[in-house]
Amino acid sequence: MLKCEKAIMDRLMLDAMKFKIVRYCDSNLDCSNRCFIRDLCEEYHAPNMHYLDDWNEKDIKEAYEILKVAEREEW
């Protein structure tokens, strides 16, 4: 795989992660008492305000993994 193709795939995966996080936040409007990613969100003003474009890549991946586990375990 070429470097350019890998960069595009990485960007697409990151966009898919952002979509899942934003969708979770939209469906869980009362996030004050059962949000799994609240600690990460508190570093930023609002997770949906810029569709996570203001989040760094590490935090997006961490939030995605937390939500993936929460969904699997049905927290």
N, C-alpha and C. Protein backbone atom coordinates (compact mmCIF):
# COMPACT_ATOMS: atom_id res chain seq x y z
N MET A 1 0.85 -1.18 0.00
CA MET A 1 0.00 0.00 0.00
C MET A 1 0.89 1.24 0.00
N LEU A 2 0.57 2.16 -0.82
CA LEU A 2 1.32 3.39 -0.91
C LEU A 2 1.06 4.27 0.30
N LYS A 3 2.00 5.17 0.59
CA LYS A 3 1.84 6.09 1.73
C LYS A 3 0.57 6.91 1.60
N CYS A 4 0.28 7.36 0.38
CA CYS A 4 -0.90 8.18 0.14
C CYS A 4 -2.18 7.39 0.45
N GLU A 5 -2.23 6.13 0.00
CA GLU A 5 -3.40 5.29 0.25
C GLU A 5 -3.57 5.04 1.74
N LYS A 6 -2.47 4.81 2.45
CA LYS A 6 -2.55 4.58 3.89
C LYS A 6 -3.05 5.83 4.61
N ALA A 7 -2.60 6.99 4.20
CA ALA A 7 -3.04 8.24 4.81
C ALA A 7 -4.54 8.45 4.59
N ILE A 8 -5.01 8.11 3.40
CA ILE A 8 -6.44 8.24 3.12
C ILE A 8 -7.24 7.27 3.97
N MET A 9 -6.76 6.02 4.10
CA MET A 9 -7.46 5.03 4.93
C MET A 9 -7.48 5.46 6.40
N ASP A 10 -6.36 5.99 6.87
CA ASP A 10 -6.30 6.47 8.26
C ASP A 10 -7.30 7.60 8.48
N ARG A 11 -7.39 8.51 7.52
CA ARG A 11 -8.32 9.64 7.61
C ARG A 11 -9.77 9.14 7.61
N LEU A 12 -10.07 8.16 6.74
CA LEU A 12 -11.42 7.60 6.68
C LEU A 12 -11.79 6.90 7.99
N MET A 13 -10.84 6.16 8.57
CA MET A 13 -11.10 5.48 9.84
C MET A 13 -11.34 6.51 10.95
N LEU A 14 -10.55 7.56 10.95
CA LEU A 14 -10.71 8.61 11.96
C LEU A 14 -12.07 9.30 11.80
N ASP A 15 -12.48 9.55 10.57
CA ASP A 15 -13.79 10.16 10.33
C ASP A 15 -14.92 9.23 10.78
N ALA A 16 -14.76 7.93 10.59
CA ALA A 16 -15.76 6.96 11.04
C ALA A 16 -15.84 6.96 12.57
N MET A 17 -14.70 7.06 13.23
CA MET A 17 -14.68 7.13 14.69
C MET A 17 -15.39 8.39 15.18
N LYS A 18 -15.10 9.52 14.53
CA LYS A 18 -15.76 10.78 14.90
C LYS A 18 -17.26 10.67 14.75
N PHE A 19 -17.71 10.06 13.65
CA PHE A 19 -19.14 9.91 13.40
C PHE A 19 -19.80 9.11 14.52
N LYS A 20 -19.17 8.01 14.93
CA LYS A 20 -19.75 7.18 15.98
C LYS A 20 -19.82 7.94 17.31
N ILE A 21 -18.80 8.72 17.63
CA ILE A 21 -18.78 9.48 18.88
C ILE A 21 -19.86 10.56 18.86
N VAL A 22 -19.94 11.30 17.75
CA VAL A 22 -20.95 12.36 17.64
C VAL A 22 -22.35 11.77 17.71
N ARG A 23 -22.56 10.63 17.05
CA ARG A 23 -23.86 9.97 17.08
C ARG A 23 -24.22 9.55 18.51
N TYR A 24 -23.22 9.04 19.24
CA TYR A 24 -23.44 8.67 20.64
C TYR A 24 -23.84 9.89 21.46
N CYS A 25 -23.14 10.99 21.27
CA CYS A 25 -23.43 12.21 22.03
C CYS A 25 -24.81 12.77 21.69
N ASP A 26 -25.20 12.70 20.43
CA ASP A 26 -26.51 13.18 20.01
C ASP A 26 -27.63 12.33 20.61
N SER A 27 -27.41 11.02 20.70
CA SER A 27 -28.47 10.15 21.21
C SER A 27 -28.50 10.11 22.73
N ASN A 28 -27.46 10.62 23.38
CA ASN A 28 -27.36 10.58 24.83
C ASN A 28 -27.31 12.01 25.36
N LEU A 29 -28.39 12.75 25.15
CA LEU A 29 -28.39 14.17 25.50
C LEU A 29 -28.22 14.41 27.00
N ASP A 30 -28.71 13.50 27.81
CA ASP A 30 -28.55 13.65 29.26
C ASP A 30 -27.27 12.93 29.68
N CYS A 31 -26.14 13.47 29.24
CA CYS A 31 -24.87 12.78 29.45
C CYS A 31 -24.28 13.02 30.84
N SER A 32 -24.92 13.83 31.64
CA SER A 32 -24.33 14.17 32.93
C SER A 32 -24.13 12.98 33.85
N ASN A 33 -25.04 12.00 33.81
CA ASN A 33 -24.91 10.92 34.78
C ASN A 33 -24.57 9.57 34.17
N ARG A 34 -24.58 9.41 32.84
CA ARG A 34 -24.21 8.11 32.29
C ARG A 34 -23.32 8.21 31.06
N CYS A 35 -22.56 9.25 30.98
CA CYS A 35 -21.65 9.40 29.84
C CYS A 35 -20.35 8.67 30.13
N PHE A 36 -19.91 7.89 29.16
CA PHE A 36 -18.68 7.11 29.34
C PHE A 36 -17.43 7.90 28.97
N ILE A 37 -17.61 8.95 28.19
CA ILE A 37 -16.44 9.70 27.71
C ILE A 37 -16.39 11.12 28.28
N ARG A 38 -17.12 11.34 29.38
CA ARG A 38 -17.20 12.68 29.97
C ARG A 38 -15.84 13.26 30.32
N ASP A 39 -14.93 12.43 30.83
CA ASP A 39 -13.60 12.93 31.22
C ASP A 39 -12.86 13.51 30.01
N LEU A 40 -12.99 12.85 28.87
CA LEU A 40 -12.36 13.38 27.66
C LEU A 40 -13.05 14.66 27.20
N CYS A 41 -14.38 14.67 27.24
CA CYS A 41 -15.14 15.82 26.76
C CYS A 41 -14.88 17.07 27.58
N GLU A 42 -14.61 16.89 28.86
CA GLU A 42 -14.40 18.05 29.72
C GLU A 42 -13.17 18.85 29.32
N GLU A 43 -12.24 18.21 28.58
CA GLU A 43 -11.06 18.93 28.09
C GLU A 43 -11.43 19.90 26.98
N TYR A 44 -12.55 19.63 26.32
CA TYR A 44 -13.01 20.45 25.20
C TYR A 44 -14.32 21.11 25.61
N HIS A 45 -14.73 22.15 24.91
CA HIS A 45 -15.94 22.87 25.29
C HIS A 45 -17.20 22.07 25.03
N ALA A 46 -17.35 21.53 23.86
CA ALA A 46 -18.52 20.73 23.52
C ALA A 46 -18.13 19.75 22.42
N PRO A 47 -18.43 18.48 22.61
CA PRO A 47 -17.97 17.50 21.63
C PRO A 47 -18.56 17.68 20.24
N ASN A 48 -19.78 18.17 20.13
CA ASN A 48 -20.43 18.28 18.82
C ASN A 48 -20.25 19.64 18.19
N MET A 49 -19.77 20.59 18.94
CA MET A 49 -19.72 21.96 18.44
C MET A 49 -18.97 22.06 17.11
N HIS A 50 -17.86 21.36 16.99
CA HIS A 50 -17.06 21.39 15.76
C HIS A 50 -16.94 19.98 15.17
N TYR A 51 -17.86 19.11 15.51
CA TYR A 51 -17.83 17.72 15.04
C TYR A 51 -16.49 17.06 15.29
N LEU A 52 -15.92 17.34 16.45
CA LEU A 52 -14.67 16.76 16.94
C LEU A 52 -13.45 17.20 16.14
N ASP A 53 -13.58 18.20 15.29
CA ASP A 53 -12.42 18.68 14.55
C ASP A 53 -11.41 19.36 15.47
N ASP A 54 -11.85 19.78 16.64
CA ASP A 54 -10.94 20.41 17.59
C ASP A 54 -10.31 19.39 18.56
N TRP A 55 -10.67 18.11 18.43
CA TRP A 55 -10.09 17.06 19.27
C TRP A 55 -8.81 16.57 18.62
N ASN A 56 -7.87 16.13 19.44
CA ASN A 56 -6.68 15.54 18.85
C ASN A 56 -6.94 14.05 18.56
N GLU A 57 -6.13 13.50 17.71
CA GLU A 57 -6.35 12.13 17.22
C GLU A 57 -6.34 11.10 18.35
N LYS A 58 -5.46 11.28 19.32
CA LYS A 58 -5.36 10.34 20.44
C LYS A 58 -6.66 10.30 21.23
N ASP A 59 -7.26 11.45 21.50
CA ASP A 59 -8.50 11.50 22.26
C ASP A 59 -9.68 10.90 21.49
N ILE A 60 -9.69 11.10 20.18
CA ILE A 60 -10.75 10.52 19.36
C ILE A 60 -10.67 9.00 19.42
N LYS A 61 -9.47 8.47 19.26
CA LYS A 61 -9.29 7.02 19.31
C LYS A 61 -9.64 6.46 20.68
N GLU A 62 -9.25 7.16 21.73
CA GLU A 62 -9.56 6.71 23.09
C GLU A 62 -11.07 6.71 23.34
N ALA A 63 -11.75 7.77 22.94
CA ALA A 63 -13.20 7.85 23.12
C ALA A 63 -13.90 6.74 22.32
N TYR A 64 -13.43 6.50 21.12
CA TYR A 64 -14.02 5.45 20.28
C TYR A 64 -13.88 4.08 20.95
N GLU A 65 -12.69 3.80 21.47
CA GLU A 65 -12.47 2.51 22.14
C GLU A 65 -13.35 2.36 23.38
N ILE A 66 -13.51 3.44 24.13
CA ILE A 66 -14.38 3.40 25.32
C ILE A 66 -15.82 3.08 24.91
N LEU A 67 -16.29 3.75 23.87
CA LEU A 67 -17.66 3.51 23.42
C LEU A 67 -17.83 2.11 22.85
N LYS A 68 -16.81 1.61 22.18
CA LYS A 68 -16.86 0.26 21.63
C LYS A 68 -17.00 -0.78 22.75
N VAL A 69 -16.23 -0.61 23.81
CA VAL A 69 -16.31 -1.53 24.95
C VAL A 69 -17.67 -1.38 25.64
N ALA A 70 -18.12 -0.14 25.82
CA ALA A 70 -19.40 0.09 26.48
C ALA A 70 -20.55 -0.54 25.69
N GLU A 71 -20.47 -0.45 24.39
CA GLU A 71 -21.51 -1.04 23.55
C GLU A 71 -21.49 -2.56 23.64
N ARG A 72 -20.31 -3.13 23.64
CA ARG A 72 -20.16 -4.58 23.71
C ARG A 72 -20.62 -5.12 25.08
N GLU A 73 -20.27 -4.39 26.12
CA GLU A 73 -20.60 -4.82 27.49
C GLU A 73 -21.99 -4.37 27.92
N GLU A 74 -22.63 -3.54 27.11
CA GLU A 74 -23.96 -2.98 27.41
C GLU A 74 -23.98 -2.29 28.77
N TRP A 75 -23.05 -1.36 28.97
CA TRP A 75 -23.00 -0.59 30.23
C TRP A 75 -24.23 0.25 30.38
